[in-house]
Protein backbone atom coordinates (compact mmCIF):
# COMPACT_ATOMS: atom_id res chain seq x y z
CA UNK A 1 -1.62 -2.79 72.64
CA UNK A 2 -4.55 -2.08 71.08
CA UNK A 3 -3.24 0.99 69.45
CA UNK A 4 -0.18 -1.39 68.01
CA UNK A 5 -2.54 -4.20 67.00
CA UNK A 6 -4.34 -1.27 64.74
CA UNK A 7 -0.76 -0.11 63.06
CA UNK A 8 -0.01 -3.65 62.34
CA UNK A 9 -3.32 -4.05 60.44
CA UNK A 10 -3.10 -0.52 58.82
CA UNK A 11 0.54 -1.59 57.78
CA UNK A 12 -0.82 -4.79 56.26
CA UNK A 13 -3.58 -3.18 54.57
CA UNK A 14 -0.69 -0.80 52.68
CA UNK A 15 1.37 -3.90 51.81
CA UNK A 16 -1.76 -5.78 50.45
CA UNK A 17 -2.21 -2.67 47.88
CA UNK A 18 0.83 -2.04 47.03
CA UNK A 19 1.40 -5.92 46.23
CA UNK A 20 -1.69 -5.79 43.95
CA UNK A 21 -0.74 -2.94 42.27
CA UNK A 22 2.80 -4.42 41.54
CA UNK A 23 0.97 -7.65 40.30
CA UNK A 24 -1.48 -5.17 38.16
CA UNK A 25 1.43 -4.00 36.26
CA UNK A 26 3.50 -6.54 35.62
CA UNK A 27 -0.16 -8.49 34.01
CA UNK A 28 -0.01 -5.47 31.97
CA UNK A 29 3.28 -5.01 30.44
CA UNK A 30 2.70 -9.04 28.60
CA UNK A 31 -0.28 -7.50 27.09
CA UNK A 32 1.11 -4.02 25.76
CA UNK A 33 4.47 -6.01 24.69
CA UNK A 34 1.69 -8.06 22.28
CA UNK A 35 0.21 -5.26 20.56
CA UNK A 36 1.14 -4.59 17.34
CA UNK A 37 1.20 -1.09 15.29
CA UNK A 38 -0.79 -0.29 12.46
CA UNK A 39 0.36 -0.95 9.05
CA UNK A 40 2.04 2.63 8.29
CA UNK A 41 0.50 2.45 4.91
CA UNK A 42 -2.98 3.13 6.26
CA UNK A 43 -3.96 6.47 4.89
CA UNK A 44 -5.90 8.49 7.37
CA UNK A 45 -8.74 10.90 7.00
CA UNK A 46 -8.49 12.34 3.29
CA UNK A 47 -5.46 11.72 1.41
CA UNK A 48 -4.01 13.16 -1.55
CA UNK A 49 -1.70 10.48 -3.67
CA UNK A 50 1.20 11.95 -6.29
CA UNK A 51 2.47 8.71 -8.84
CA UNK A 52 4.95 9.14 -11.66
CA UNK A 53 6.16 6.78 -13.82
CA UNK A 54 8.76 6.38 -16.63
CA UNK A 55 8.50 3.25 -18.80
CA UNK A 56 12.03 3.03 -21.32
CA UNK A 57 11.58 0.82 -24.18
CA UNK A 58 14.58 -1.83 -24.34
CA UNK A 59 13.05 -4.42 -27.05
CA UNK A 60 9.75 -5.32 -28.69
CA UNK A 61 8.48 -7.32 -25.61
CA UNK A 62 11.38 -5.62 -22.96
CA UNK A 63 11.28 -2.17 -21.34
CA UNK A 64 12.86 -0.41 -17.66
CA UNK A 65 9.90 0.73 -15.73
CA UNK A 66 10.75 3.06 -12.63
CA UNK A 67 7.51 4.97 -10.54
CA UNK A 68 8.04 8.04 -7.93
CA UNK A 69 4.90 7.77 -5.45
CA UNK A 70 4.40 10.69 -2.63
CA UNK A 71 1.32 9.69 -0.19
CA UNK A 72 -0.25 12.68 1.91
CA UNK A 73 -3.01 11.93 4.60
CA UNK A 74 -4.92 14.19 7.41
CA UNK A 75 -6.26 16.33 4.29
CA UNK A 76 -3.74 16.19 2.14
CA UNK A 77 -1.03 18.27 5.09
CA UNK A 78 1.32 15.33 6.18
CA UNK A 79 3.68 13.27 4.07
CA UNK A 80 3.52 9.99 5.51
CA UNK A 81 5.02 7.64 2.81
CA UNK A 82 7.24 8.19 -0.08
CA UNK A 83 8.95 5.19 -2.25
CA UNK A 84 10.66 4.53 -5.32
CA UNK A 85 10.48 1.10 -6.98
CA UNK A 86 12.04 -0.05 -10.41
CA UNK A 87 12.06 -3.31 -12.38
CA UNK A 88 12.23 -4.91 -15.70
CA UNK A 89 9.07 -5.71 -17.54
CA UNK A 90 8.92 -9.13 -19.88
CA UNK A 91 5.92 -9.37 -22.59
CA UNK A 92 6.00 -13.04 -23.17
CA UNK A 93 2.81 -12.62 -24.92
CA UNK A 94 0.59 -9.87 -25.66
CA UNK A 95 -1.86 -10.86 -23.11
CA UNK A 96 0.94 -11.59 -20.36
CA UNK A 97 3.31 -9.11 -18.51
CA UNK A 98 6.04 -10.71 -15.66
CA UNK A 99 7.51 -7.80 -13.71
CA UNK A 100 10.18 -8.46 -10.77
CA UNK A 101 10.16 -5.24 -8.77
CA UNK A 102 12.56 -3.90 -6.01
CA UNK A 103 10.92 -0.70 -3.65
CA UNK A 104 12.12 1.13 -1.37
CA UNK A 105 9.55 3.09 0.92
CA UNK A 106 10.42 5.58 3.84
CA UNK A 107 7.79 7.25 6.53
CA UNK A 108 8.61 10.17 7.79
CA UNK A 109 6.17 10.62 10.62
CA UNK A 110 5.85 7.09 11.74
CA UNK A 111 7.42 6.78 15.50
CA UNK A 112 8.16 2.96 14.94
CA UNK A 113 8.86 2.11 11.33
CA UNK A 114 11.15 4.47 9.36
CA UNK A 115 11.65 2.51 6.35
CA UNK A 116 10.88 -0.81 4.48
CA UNK A 117 12.22 -2.50 1.66
CA UNK A 118 10.29 -4.64 -1.02
CA UNK A 119 10.84 -7.25 -2.88
CA UNK A 120 7.67 -7.67 -5.68
CA UNK A 121 6.61 -9.81 -8.62
CA UNK A 122 3.49 -8.59 -10.92
CA UNK A 123 2.25 -10.50 -13.51
CA UNK A 124 -0.67 -9.03 -15.19
CA UNK A 125 -3.25 -10.73 -17.49
CA UNK A 126 -5.46 -8.24 -20.02
CA UNK A 127 -7.37 -8.57 -23.28
CA UNK A 128 -9.28 -5.95 -25.72
CA UNK A 129 -12.69 -6.49 -26.67
CA UNK A 130 -13.15 -3.26 -28.99
CA UNK A 131 -13.60 -0.23 -26.91
CA UNK A 132 -12.99 -2.57 -23.40
CA UNK A 133 -10.01 -3.60 -21.48
CA UNK A 134 -10.04 -6.06 -19.03
CA UNK A 135 -7.34 -6.52 -16.90
CA UNK A 136 -6.02 -9.00 -13.67
CA UNK A 137 -2.95 -8.03 -11.74
CA UNK A 138 -1.34 -10.51 -9.22
CA UNK A 139 1.30 -8.79 -7.05
CA UNK A 140 3.09 -11.15 -5.04
CA UNK A 141 5.38 -8.71 -2.04
CA UNK A 142 7.67 -9.68 0.39
CA UNK A 143 7.92 -6.64 2.70
CA UNK A 144 11.20 -6.12 5.03
CA UNK A 145 10.48 -2.92 7.61
CA UNK A 146 12.91 -2.10 9.14
CA UNK A 147 11.80 -2.73 13.14
CA UNK A 148 9.08 -5.84 12.40
CA UNK A 149 9.68 -8.95 11.40
CA UNK A 150 9.43 -10.04 7.10
CA UNK A 151 5.90 -10.59 6.03
CA UNK A 152 4.58 -11.98 2.93
CA UNK A 153 1.57 -10.66 0.81
CA UNK A 154 -1.19 -11.28 -1.99
CA UNK A 155 -2.51 -8.46 -3.73
CA UNK A 156 -5.23 -9.32 -6.76
CA UNK A 157 -6.88 -6.78 -8.27
CA UNK A 158 -9.08 -7.37 -11.59
CA UNK A 159 -10.44 -3.82 -13.40
CA UNK A 160 -11.92 -2.53 -16.42
CA UNK A 161 -10.74 0.41 -19.10
CA UNK A 162 -13.11 1.66 -21.25
CA UNK A 163 -12.25 4.25 -24.05
CA UNK A 164 -15.25 7.15 -23.99
CA UNK A 165 -16.30 7.60 -27.72
CA UNK A 166 -15.66 11.03 -28.09
CA UNK A 167 -14.70 13.08 -30.77
CA UNK A 168 -10.96 13.42 -30.09
CA UNK A 169 -7.59 12.73 -31.33
CA UNK A 170 -6.45 11.59 -27.79
CA UNK A 171 -9.54 10.05 -25.75
CA UNK A 172 -9.93 9.67 -22.15
CA UNK A 173 -10.08 6.19 -21.01
CA UNK A 174 -12.53 5.35 -17.73
CA UNK A 175 -10.93 3.39 -15.23
CA UNK A 176 -12.26 1.35 -12.83
CA UNK A 177 -10.29 -1.44 -10.34
CA UNK A 178 -10.68 -3.38 -6.99
CA UNK A 179 -7.62 -4.31 -5.37
CA UNK A 180 -7.94 -7.29 -2.31
CA UNK A 181 -4.80 -7.57 0.15
CA UNK A 182 -4.43 -11.06 1.57
CA UNK A 183 -1.73 -11.74 4.14
CA UNK A 184 -2.33 -15.93 4.67
CA UNK A 185 0.98 -15.90 7.14
CA UNK A 186 2.12 -14.37 9.84
CA UNK A 187 1.38 -10.55 10.02
CA UNK A 188 3.24 -7.74 12.15
CA UNK A 189 0.73 -5.17 11.76
CA UNK A 190 -2.23 -4.79 13.60
CA UNK A 191 -5.57 -6.20 11.94
CA UNK A 192 -8.93 -8.07 12.83
CA UNK A 193 -7.37 -11.67 12.54
CA UNK A 194 -7.98 -11.73 9.15
CA UNK A 195 -6.10 -12.79 6.54
CA UNK A 196 -7.89 -10.04 4.19
CA UNK A 197 -6.60 -7.31 5.72
CA UNK A 198 -7.28 -4.12 3.15
CA UNK A 199 -8.89 -3.33 -0.21
CA UNK A 200 -8.85 -0.25 -2.17
CA UNK A 201 -11.52 0.67 -5.42
CA UNK A 202 -10.87 3.19 -7.80
CA UNK A 203 -12.02 5.03 -10.55
CA UNK A 204 -10.35 7.74 -12.29
CA UNK A 205 -10.13 8.96 -15.83
CA UNK A 206 -6.46 8.76 -17.76
CA UNK A 207 -6.12 11.30 -20.30
CA UNK A 208 -3.27 11.04 -23.08
CA UNK A 209 -1.99 14.36 -23.66
CA UNK A 210 0.78 13.49 -25.91
CA UNK A 211 1.64 10.02 -27.79
CA UNK A 212 4.33 9.33 -24.46
CA UNK A 213 2.36 11.44 -22.03
CA UNK A 214 -0.88 10.62 -19.81
CA UNK A 215 -1.74 12.03 -17.12
CA UNK A 216 -4.52 9.77 -14.91
CA UNK A 217 -7.23 11.39 -11.93
CA UNK A 218 -8.67 8.79 -9.72
CA UNK A 219 -10.64 8.94 -6.52
CA UNK A 220 -9.94 5.83 -4.05
CA UNK A 221 -11.58 4.26 -1.01
CA UNK A 222 -9.13 2.76 1.21
CA UNK A 223 -10.41 0.39 3.53
CA UNK A 224 -8.21 -1.16 6.10
CA UNK A 225 -9.40 -4.44 8.44
CA UNK A 226 -8.41 -2.98 12.32
CA UNK A 227 -9.08 -4.66 15.23
CA UNK A 228 -11.69 -2.39 16.17
CA UNK A 229 -13.30 -3.42 12.53
CA UNK A 230 -13.29 -1.41 9.28
CA UNK A 231 -12.11 1.95 8.70
CA UNK A 232 -12.41 4.00 5.08
CA UNK A 233 -10.77 6.58 4.02
CA UNK A 234 -11.20 8.39 0.82
CA UNK A 235 -8.12 9.36 -1.36
CA UNK A 236 -7.94 11.98 -4.81
CA UNK A 237 -4.89 10.71 -7.19
CA UNK A 238 -2.84 12.04 -9.72
CA UNK A 239 -0.30 10.21 -12.02
CA UNK A 240 1.63 10.94 -15.03
CA UNK A 241 2.89 8.50 -17.20
CA UNK A 242 6.18 8.81 -19.64
CA UNK A 243 7.02 6.56 -22.22
CA UNK A 244 10.42 6.86 -23.72
CA UNK A 245 10.43 5.36 -27.31
CA UNK A 246 13.97 4.28 -28.22
CA UNK A 247 14.63 5.22 -32.06
CA UNK A 248 16.05 2.91 -34.16
CA UNK A 249 19.79 3.33 -34.96
CA UNK A 250 20.33 3.88 -38.72
CA UNK A 251 22.66 1.01 -40.21
CA UNK A 252 25.76 2.53 -41.80
């Protein structure tokens, strides 16, 4: 009789342990489902960014702009992002530029998000004072990744260019800017819960090579506001820009 009671108590303890284990597993499932992936455009460790841009004038105040970008991180060994974008630039005033843009973006190293479509509106204000040129770019983005809900983001980038006083036919230009990223509404990617999700500060030098080709080398600090706190990575970038001037056809 005593032996059977001990067996029943042992069996009850085993059932209680199994039930507690099942409850803990079930409670962990919704918590895991609520976890958001990190934004796939976030760089890791030291990065290398390559940029190529082509601008073709259509008239005095319009141009077609096409850009290609490749992003490497982990010391420049991992191609984690590349994209192409194009738009039609309008310059209604010498100090104001409007560019509606479409971008197609791929994330070859990301297991959760393979590609993304973006619709962008670039609004740029600029003014020149002697060797100084001040700019403010506002970028309104609609993001449509393949495996996440759509979202909107605002980007503000004030900057200053300074033409260095060297005795050269084509003087180099010092370029400094800081970009603020805001997601005021729903954010499908991991963040600290604040609308201020990212910051990019960069400094570089742009050197005209010919009348239509220029190269810019820059150093960028990308800071991302993650649930664990701000994470900053450093990036070296090389940009090439080509401007194609259309010649006016001679009248017969």
